[in-house]
Amino acid sequence: MNIGILVPVLSDKDAVGADALEMGAALERLGHTVRVFAHSTLGGVGKVGKPATLGEFCRAPGDLAIYHFSIGWPDAVPLLRSLRCRRVIRYHNITPAHFFEGYSAEYVAACNFGRSEIAALAELECELYLGDSPFNVEDFLAAGVAPERTEVLAPFHRIDRLVHAHADLALLDRYKDGAATWLSVGRIAPNKGHLNLIDAFAAYRAVYDDAACRLLIVGRADPRLAKYTAQVRALVAQRGLDDSVHFLSDVDDGALKAAYLVADALVSLSEHEGFCVPIIEAMALGTPIVGYVGGAVASTTGDAGLIWDDTNPYLYAASVARLRKDAPLRHRLRERGFARMQETFSTDMLSRALAEVIGRFA
C-alpha cells in the first residue's frame, strides 16, 4: 500500500524526526511504498513532499496516512479530514502550557493550541491513535477515543549510530578521572526539572563532602526560554556550583557517547516526558538510570533504573551515592538496561511491533 508520513516540521536533529524517518525506512523494508510530507524541514532529511499533495499520494481507500503529532499545526485537522484513505495519529505528546507560564508567552500559546487539537483529532475518529507510550495514549482515551482504536509503539531512533560512534577522546580524558559524575540529557526547558536536579546535585556535594563531583548538562538552550535558562544558571551560582556544573550544548554523537560513558548515572528529574529517549540511550551504553516518575519515565525505564515518586533532593543524592559504592547493584541495572533495550526498544523489535500494527490494515 502507499503510506504517507506527515510531519509539520521535519528535522534530522530531534526525536520526532528520527521516529518519522526511521519508521518510513522500516515500512519500506516491509514492502510498502512510503513518502514523507512536511510543511518545513531542518537539516538533511532528504526529499519530502508538500502536505497539500498527500491526498494525491494516498488516494485509495486502502492507503494509509500517518500524522506525527507533537506540536499544534492549524493545517492538520482540515487536511486529515479531507483524506479518503485510512489515517493514523502518531502521538509524541505536547507539554502542558503551565510549565512555561512566566517564561515564554509564545510557548504558552503554542502548547495551549497543541493541547486543544487533541480533542479535534479525536473527533476525526481515525482508524488508529498510536502513542509513543501508555502515558501518551491516556490523552486520547480522555478525549473519548475508544481503547480498541489505540496502540502503543515506542519511537524509532538512531541509537545504533550512537553506540557505534567513536567516543570523543578529549571529553573522556577530561572527565574520566573517577570523580562522581551526574549526567542530564535533554533540552533546557521548564518541564525538564533542572532546578530540582541542581538541588539534588548540591545535596550530594554537601552530604558526601565531594568537592570533585560534577554535573554534566547536555542540552540545547532555546533563546525563547532565556528566562528559564537564566534561572537555572542563577541557581547554580547560588548553590556555589559554578565549577561543578558543566553545560554542553550542540554535542555530536562522539561527545554524547563519551558523556554517557563517564557518568555514574543518567539523572532525570523531568516532570513531564512523553517517552524520554535519553533513557534508552543510557540503557544501550550501560549507564545506570536514576529518575523521577514524571510522565512516561517509569514505563520507559521498567526495572532498569532507580525511579522514585518523590522529588526530595536527598533521595537522588543517596541513589547516586549507592550506585557508586554498590557494584552488584550497578551491574544488575546495567544488565537489565541492556536486556530491555534489546528485547523492547531495539530497531529489530520496533520493526516487528510496527509490522503487527500495520497488519491491522492488511
Protein backbone atom coordinates (compact mmCIF):
# COMPACT_ATOMS: atom_id res chain seq x y z
CA MET A 1 0.00 0.00 0.00
CA ASN A 2 1.00 3.64 -0.27
CA ILE A 3 1.86 5.09 3.14
CA GLY A 4 2.30 8.83 3.60
CA ILE A 5 4.13 10.10 6.68
CA LEU A 6 3.10 13.64 7.60
CA VAL A 7 5.17 15.87 9.89
CA PRO A 8 4.62 19.65 10.27
CA VAL A 9 8.34 20.37 10.82
CA LEU A 10 10.75 17.58 9.92
CA SER A 11 14.23 17.71 11.45
CA ASP A 12 17.04 15.17 11.47
CA LYS A 13 18.14 16.51 14.88
CA ASP A 14 15.18 15.62 17.11
CA ALA A 15 13.37 12.53 18.37
CA VAL A 16 10.20 13.16 16.34
CA GLY A 17 12.15 13.48 13.10
CA ALA A 18 14.15 10.35 13.87
CA ASP A 19 10.95 8.40 14.56
CA ALA A 20 9.28 9.60 11.36
CA LEU A 21 12.27 8.91 9.11
CA GLU A 22 13.21 5.56 10.65
CA MET A 23 9.58 4.45 10.70
CA GLY A 24 9.41 5.25 7.00
CA ALA A 25 12.52 3.14 6.36
CA ALA A 26 11.03 0.25 8.35
CA LEU A 27 7.78 0.44 6.37
CA GLU A 28 9.73 0.32 3.12
CA ARG A 29 11.51 -2.82 4.36
CA LEU A 30 8.05 -4.31 4.87
CA GLY A 31 7.36 -3.75 1.18
CA HIS A 32 5.23 -0.61 1.28
CA THR A 33 5.65 2.48 -0.87
CA VAL A 34 6.43 5.33 1.51
CA ARG A 35 6.67 9.07 1.04
CA VAL A 36 7.30 11.75 3.67
CA PHE A 37 5.41 15.05 3.63
CA ALA A 38 6.36 18.13 5.66
CA HIS A 39 5.45 21.81 5.83
CA SER A 40 9.09 22.71 6.53
CA THR A 41 12.38 20.90 7.07
CA LEU A 42 15.57 21.35 9.08
CA GLY A 43 18.84 19.60 8.28
CA GLY A 44 19.48 16.80 5.83
CA VAL A 45 16.15 14.98 5.73
CA GLY A 46 16.14 14.24 2.02
CA LYS A 47 13.33 14.89 -0.42
CA VAL A 48 9.89 15.48 1.06
CA GLY A 49 6.51 16.27 -0.45
CA LYS A 50 4.25 19.22 0.27
CA PRO A 51 1.37 18.40 2.66
CA ALA A 52 -1.17 19.60 0.12
CA THR A 53 -0.16 16.71 -2.17
CA LEU A 54 -0.61 13.99 0.47
CA GLY A 55 -4.12 13.22 -0.77
CA GLU A 56 -2.81 12.60 -4.29
CA PHE A 57 -0.33 10.01 -3.00
CA CYS A 58 -2.72 8.37 -0.52
CA ARG A 59 -5.71 8.48 -2.83
CA ALA A 60 -7.02 4.93 -2.50
CA PRO A 61 -9.24 3.93 0.44
CA GLY A 62 -6.72 1.22 1.33
CA ASP A 63 -3.79 3.61 1.57
CA LEU A 64 -2.57 4.96 4.89
CA ALA A 65 -1.57 8.40 6.20
CA ILE A 66 0.40 8.62 9.45
CA TYR A 67 0.40 12.05 11.10
CA HIS A 68 3.20 12.67 13.64
CA PHE A 69 1.56 14.95 16.19
CA SER A 70 3.90 16.79 18.55
CA ILE A 71 3.07 20.47 18.03
CA GLY A 72 -0.01 22.47 17.17
CA TRP A 73 -0.50 22.92 13.42
CA PRO A 74 -3.62 24.64 12.03
CA ASP A 75 -3.48 22.70 8.75
CA ALA A 76 -3.58 19.27 10.40
CA VAL A 77 -7.27 18.71 11.10
CA PRO A 78 -8.61 20.10 7.77
CA LEU A 79 -6.01 18.10 5.83
CA LEU A 80 -6.70 14.85 7.65
CA ARG A 81 -10.45 15.39 7.32
CA SER A 82 -10.07 15.76 3.53
CA LEU A 83 -8.28 12.44 3.02
CA ARG A 84 -10.04 9.45 1.51
CA CYS A 85 -7.52 6.94 2.88
CA ARG A 86 -7.15 5.46 6.36
CA ARG A 87 -5.49 7.64 9.00
CA VAL A 88 -3.19 7.09 11.99
CA ILE A 89 -2.34 9.71 14.59
CA ARG A 90 1.20 9.10 15.85
CA TYR A 91 1.25 10.98 19.15
CA HIS A 92 4.52 12.17 20.71
CA ASN A 93 2.86 14.27 23.44
CA ILE A 94 2.52 18.01 23.88
CA THR A 95 3.76 19.55 27.12
CA PRO A 96 1.00 21.29 29.13
CA ALA A 97 1.29 25.07 28.92
CA HIS A 98 1.51 25.70 32.66
CA PHE A 99 5.16 24.62 32.67
CA PHE A 100 6.02 27.66 30.54
CA GLU A 101 3.98 30.31 32.35
CA GLY A 102 6.22 33.16 33.41
CA TYR A 103 8.91 32.08 30.98
CA SER A 104 7.50 32.40 27.46
CA ALA A 105 4.11 33.65 26.26
CA GLU A 106 4.92 32.12 22.86
CA TYR A 107 5.36 28.66 24.36
CA VAL A 108 2.21 29.01 26.45
CA ALA A 109 0.14 29.89 23.39
CA ALA A 110 1.69 27.13 21.25
CA CYS A 111 1.19 24.46 23.91
CA ASN A 112 -2.38 25.53 24.62
CA PHE A 113 -3.19 25.36 20.91
CA GLY A 114 -1.48 21.99 20.54
CA ARG A 115 -3.31 20.52 23.52
CA SER A 116 -6.61 21.83 22.12
CA GLU A 117 -6.01 19.82 18.94
CA ILE A 118 -6.14 16.55 20.88
CA ALA A 119 -9.93 16.82 21.06
CA ALA A 120 -10.22 17.87 17.42
CA LEU A 121 -8.10 14.93 16.27
CA ALA A 122 -10.09 12.56 18.47
CA GLU A 123 -13.31 13.76 16.82
CA LEU A 124 -11.95 12.69 13.41
CA GLU A 125 -12.35 9.06 14.53
CA CYS A 126 -9.16 7.98 12.80
CA GLU A 127 -8.54 4.28 12.42
CA LEU A 128 -5.71 4.28 14.98
CA TYR A 129 -4.18 6.51 17.66
CA LEU A 130 -0.59 5.31 18.10
CA GLY A 131 1.19 6.65 21.19
CA ASP A 132 4.89 6.53 22.00
CA SER A 133 3.97 5.31 25.49
CA PRO A 134 0.96 4.31 27.60
CA PHE A 135 1.20 7.78 29.16
CA ASN A 136 0.65 9.41 25.77
CA VAL A 137 -2.31 7.21 24.89
CA GLU A 138 -4.08 8.44 28.02
CA ASP A 139 -4.60 11.86 26.41
CA PHE A 140 -6.67 10.39 23.59
CA LEU A 141 -8.55 7.99 25.85
CA ALA A 142 -9.51 11.02 27.97
CA ALA A 143 -10.68 12.75 24.76
CA GLY A 144 -13.11 9.90 24.06
CA VAL A 145 -11.16 7.64 21.70
CA ALA A 146 -12.20 4.02 22.16
CA PRO A 147 -9.44 1.82 23.66
CA GLU A 148 -9.58 -0.54 20.67
CA ARG A 149 -8.54 2.35 18.43
CA THR A 150 -5.35 2.92 20.44
CA GLU A 151 -1.97 1.21 20.42
CA VAL A 152 1.47 1.82 21.92
CA LEU A 153 4.65 1.70 19.87
CA ALA A 154 7.90 3.11 21.26
CA PRO A 155 9.63 5.60 18.94
CA PHE A 156 12.14 4.56 16.34
CA HIS A 157 15.55 6.10 16.99
CA ARG A 158 19.17 6.23 15.87
CA ILE A 159 20.80 4.76 18.94
CA ASP A 160 22.70 2.21 16.87
CA ARG A 161 24.56 5.13 15.35
CA LEU A 162 25.35 6.46 18.82
CA VAL A 163 26.55 3.06 20.05
CA HIS A 164 28.93 2.67 17.10
CA ALA A 165 30.21 6.26 17.20
CA HIS A 166 33.79 6.89 18.29
CA ALA A 167 33.62 8.43 21.75
CA ASP A 168 35.16 11.89 21.98
CA LEU A 169 38.62 11.21 23.43
CA ALA A 170 39.12 14.77 24.66
CA LEU A 171 35.92 14.62 26.68
CA LEU A 172 36.83 11.18 28.03
CA ASP A 173 40.25 12.43 29.09
CA ARG A 174 38.71 15.48 30.73
CA TYR A 175 36.10 13.67 32.81
CA LYS A 176 37.20 10.06 33.27
CA ASP A 177 39.10 10.67 36.49
CA GLY A 178 36.98 8.75 38.97
CA ALA A 179 35.09 11.78 40.28
CA ALA A 180 31.35 11.36 40.82
CA THR A 181 29.66 12.36 37.57
CA TRP A 182 25.95 13.08 37.17
CA LEU A 183 24.52 13.36 33.65
CA SER A 184 21.41 15.13 32.39
CA VAL A 185 20.46 14.89 28.70
CA GLY A 186 17.69 16.93 27.10
CA ARG A 187 16.83 20.44 26.08
CA ILE A 188 16.84 23.11 28.76
CA ALA A 189 13.12 23.64 29.34
CA PRO A 190 10.93 24.13 32.46
CA ASN A 191 9.28 20.70 32.32
CA LYS A 192 12.69 19.00 32.41
CA GLY A 193 13.21 19.67 36.13
CA HIS A 194 16.66 21.27 36.05
CA LEU A 195 16.01 23.29 39.21
CA ASN A 196 15.24 20.15 41.20
CA LEU A 197 18.21 18.44 39.58
CA ILE A 198 20.59 21.16 40.71
CA ASP A 199 19.20 21.00 44.25
CA ALA A 200 19.73 17.22 44.26
CA PHE A 201 23.29 17.60 43.00
CA ALA A 202 24.00 20.27 45.61
CA ALA A 203 22.68 17.90 48.28
CA TYR A 204 25.04 15.19 47.05
CA ARG A 205 28.02 17.51 47.19
CA ALA A 206 27.14 18.67 50.70
CA VAL A 207 26.20 15.33 52.26
CA TYR A 208 29.09 13.37 50.78
CA ASP A 209 31.59 16.25 51.09
CA ASP A 210 32.60 15.69 47.48
CA ALA A 211 34.06 18.88 46.05
CA ALA A 212 35.32 16.99 42.98
CA CYS A 213 31.88 15.81 41.83
CA ARG A 214 30.37 17.22 38.66
CA LEU A 215 27.08 17.53 36.83
CA LEU A 216 27.10 17.45 33.03
CA ILE A 217 24.02 19.10 31.50
CA VAL A 218 23.88 18.11 27.83
CA GLY A 219 21.18 20.02 26.01
CA ARG A 220 20.34 22.98 23.86
CA ALA A 221 19.20 26.25 25.38
CA ASP A 222 16.27 27.79 23.50
CA PRO A 223 16.53 31.60 23.19
CA ARG A 224 12.75 31.76 23.65
CA LEU A 225 13.24 30.26 27.12
CA ALA A 226 16.04 32.63 28.11
CA LYS A 227 14.31 33.42 31.43
CA TYR A 228 14.38 29.77 32.41
CA THR A 229 17.97 29.26 31.32
CA ALA A 230 18.96 32.33 33.33
CA GLN A 231 17.11 30.95 36.36
CA VAL A 232 18.94 27.62 36.05
CA ARG A 233 22.33 29.33 35.85
CA ALA A 234 21.44 31.65 38.74
CA LEU A 235 20.60 28.65 40.92
CA VAL A 236 23.94 27.05 40.01
CA ALA A 237 25.71 30.19 41.19
CA GLN A 238 23.52 30.50 44.30
CA ARG A 239 24.41 26.95 45.33
CA GLY A 240 28.11 27.64 44.75
CA LEU A 241 28.34 25.11 41.93
CA ASP A 242 29.84 27.20 39.11
CA ASP A 243 32.93 24.99 38.91
CA SER A 244 30.96 21.75 39.23
CA VAL A 245 28.12 22.16 36.70
CA HIS A 246 29.19 21.92 33.07
CA PHE A 247 26.80 22.91 30.27
CA LEU A 248 27.44 21.08 26.98
CA SER A 249 25.37 22.29 24.04
CA ASP A 250 25.04 21.03 20.44
CA VAL A 251 27.23 17.99 21.04
CA ASP A 252 27.85 15.42 18.32
CA ASP A 253 27.41 11.66 18.73
CA GLY A 254 31.00 11.20 19.85
CA ALA A 255 30.73 13.73 22.66
CA LEU A 256 27.30 12.45 23.73
CA LYS A 257 28.61 8.89 23.88
CA ALA A 258 31.59 9.99 25.94
CA ALA A 259 29.28 11.78 28.37
CA TYR A 260 27.27 8.59 28.93
CA LEU A 261 30.44 6.54 29.36
CA VAL A 262 31.93 8.77 32.07
CA ALA A 263 28.68 9.21 34.00
CA ASP A 264 27.84 7.30 37.17
CA ALA A 265 24.18 7.80 36.33
CA LEU A 266 21.78 9.50 33.97
CA VAL A 267 19.67 11.53 36.40
CA SER A 268 16.27 12.76 35.21
CA LEU A 269 14.01 14.87 37.39
CA SER A 270 11.81 15.79 34.45
CA GLU A 271 8.19 16.38 35.44
CA HIS A 272 6.67 15.65 32.04
CA GLU A 273 8.04 13.16 29.48
CA GLY A 274 6.15 11.57 26.61
CA PHE A 275 8.79 8.84 26.31
CA CYS A 276 12.36 10.07 27.12
CA VAL A 277 14.80 8.76 24.51
CA PRO A 278 17.87 9.53 26.72
CA ILE A 279 16.73 6.69 28.99
CA ILE A 280 17.14 4.11 26.26
CA GLU A 281 20.38 5.75 25.12
CA ALA A 282 21.66 5.19 28.66
CA MET A 283 20.48 1.57 28.57
CA ALA A 284 22.31 0.95 25.30
CA LEU A 285 25.55 2.43 26.65
CA GLY A 286 25.45 0.85 30.11
CA THR A 287 24.78 4.00 32.12
CA PRO A 288 22.61 3.41 35.23
CA ILE A 289 19.40 5.44 35.43
CA VAL A 290 18.05 7.44 38.36
CA GLY A 291 14.83 9.32 37.82
CA TYR A 292 11.62 10.94 38.98
CA VAL A 293 8.43 9.25 37.84
CA GLY A 294 7.40 12.09 35.51
CA GLY A 295 5.06 11.15 32.67
CA ALA A 296 6.38 8.10 30.80
CA VAL A 297 9.70 7.81 32.67
CA ALA A 298 8.64 4.78 34.72
CA SER A 299 7.15 2.86 31.77
CA THR A 300 10.20 3.54 29.61
CA THR A 301 12.68 2.56 32.32
CA GLY A 302 10.90 -0.55 33.61
CA ASP A 303 13.11 -2.37 36.12
CA ALA A 304 16.33 -0.97 34.66
CA GLY A 305 16.71 2.03 36.99
CA LEU A 306 16.01 3.63 40.33
CA ILE A 307 12.75 5.55 39.77
CA TRP A 308 11.10 7.49 42.59
CA ASP A 309 7.76 9.28 43.08
CA ASP A 310 9.30 11.90 45.38
CA THR A 311 11.37 14.96 44.45
CA ASN A 312 13.30 15.07 47.74
CA PRO A 313 16.82 16.07 46.63
CA TYR A 314 18.48 13.88 49.26
CA LEU A 315 16.79 10.80 47.80
CA TYR A 316 18.55 11.35 44.45
CA ALA A 317 21.82 12.18 46.16
CA ALA A 318 21.63 8.90 48.08
CA SER A 319 20.72 7.00 44.91
CA VAL A 320 23.82 8.14 43.04
CA ALA A 321 25.97 7.51 46.11
CA ARG A 322 24.56 3.96 46.35
CA LEU A 323 25.34 3.29 42.69
CA ARG A 324 28.92 4.43 43.17
CA LYS A 325 29.61 2.10 46.08
CA ASP A 326 27.34 -0.86 45.26
CA ALA A 327 28.96 -2.67 42.33
CA PRO A 328 26.42 -5.56 42.26
CA LEU A 329 23.50 -3.11 42.03
CA ARG A 330 25.29 -1.16 39.33
CA HIS A 331 25.89 -4.38 37.39
CA ARG A 332 22.26 -5.54 37.76
CA LEU A 333 20.87 -2.27 36.47
CA ARG A 334 23.26 -2.26 33.54
CA GLU A 335 22.34 -5.83 32.61
CA ARG A 336 18.63 -5.07 32.92
CA GLY A 337 19.11 -1.98 30.76
CA PHE A 338 20.96 -3.89 28.05
CA ALA A 339 18.29 -6.60 28.07
CA ARG A 340 15.39 -4.12 27.99
CA MET A 341 16.98 -2.23 25.13
CA GLN A 342 17.42 -5.39 23.06
CA GLU A 343 14.10 -7.01 23.92
CA THR A 344 11.85 -3.96 23.76
CA PHE A 345 13.47 -0.94 22.09
CA SER A 346 15.94 -2.28 19.52
CA THR A 347 15.28 -1.38 15.88
CA ASP A 348 14.56 -5.04 15.14
CA MET A 349 11.94 -5.31 17.89
CA LEU A 350 10.35 -1.98 16.95
CA SER A 351 10.17 -3.10 13.31
CA ARG A 352 8.41 -6.30 14.36
CA ALA A 353 5.97 -4.35 16.50
CA LEU A 354 5.32 -1.94 13.62
CA ALA A 355 4.62 -4.87 11.31
CA GLU A 356 1.94 -6.06 13.76
CA VAL A 357 0.41 -2.60 13.90
CA ILE A 358 0.35 -2.28 10.12
CA GLY A 359 -1.13 -5.77 9.96
CA ARG A 360 -4.33 -4.22 11.28
CA PHE A 361 -4.67 -2.51 7.90
CA ALA A 362 -3.99 -5.53 5.69
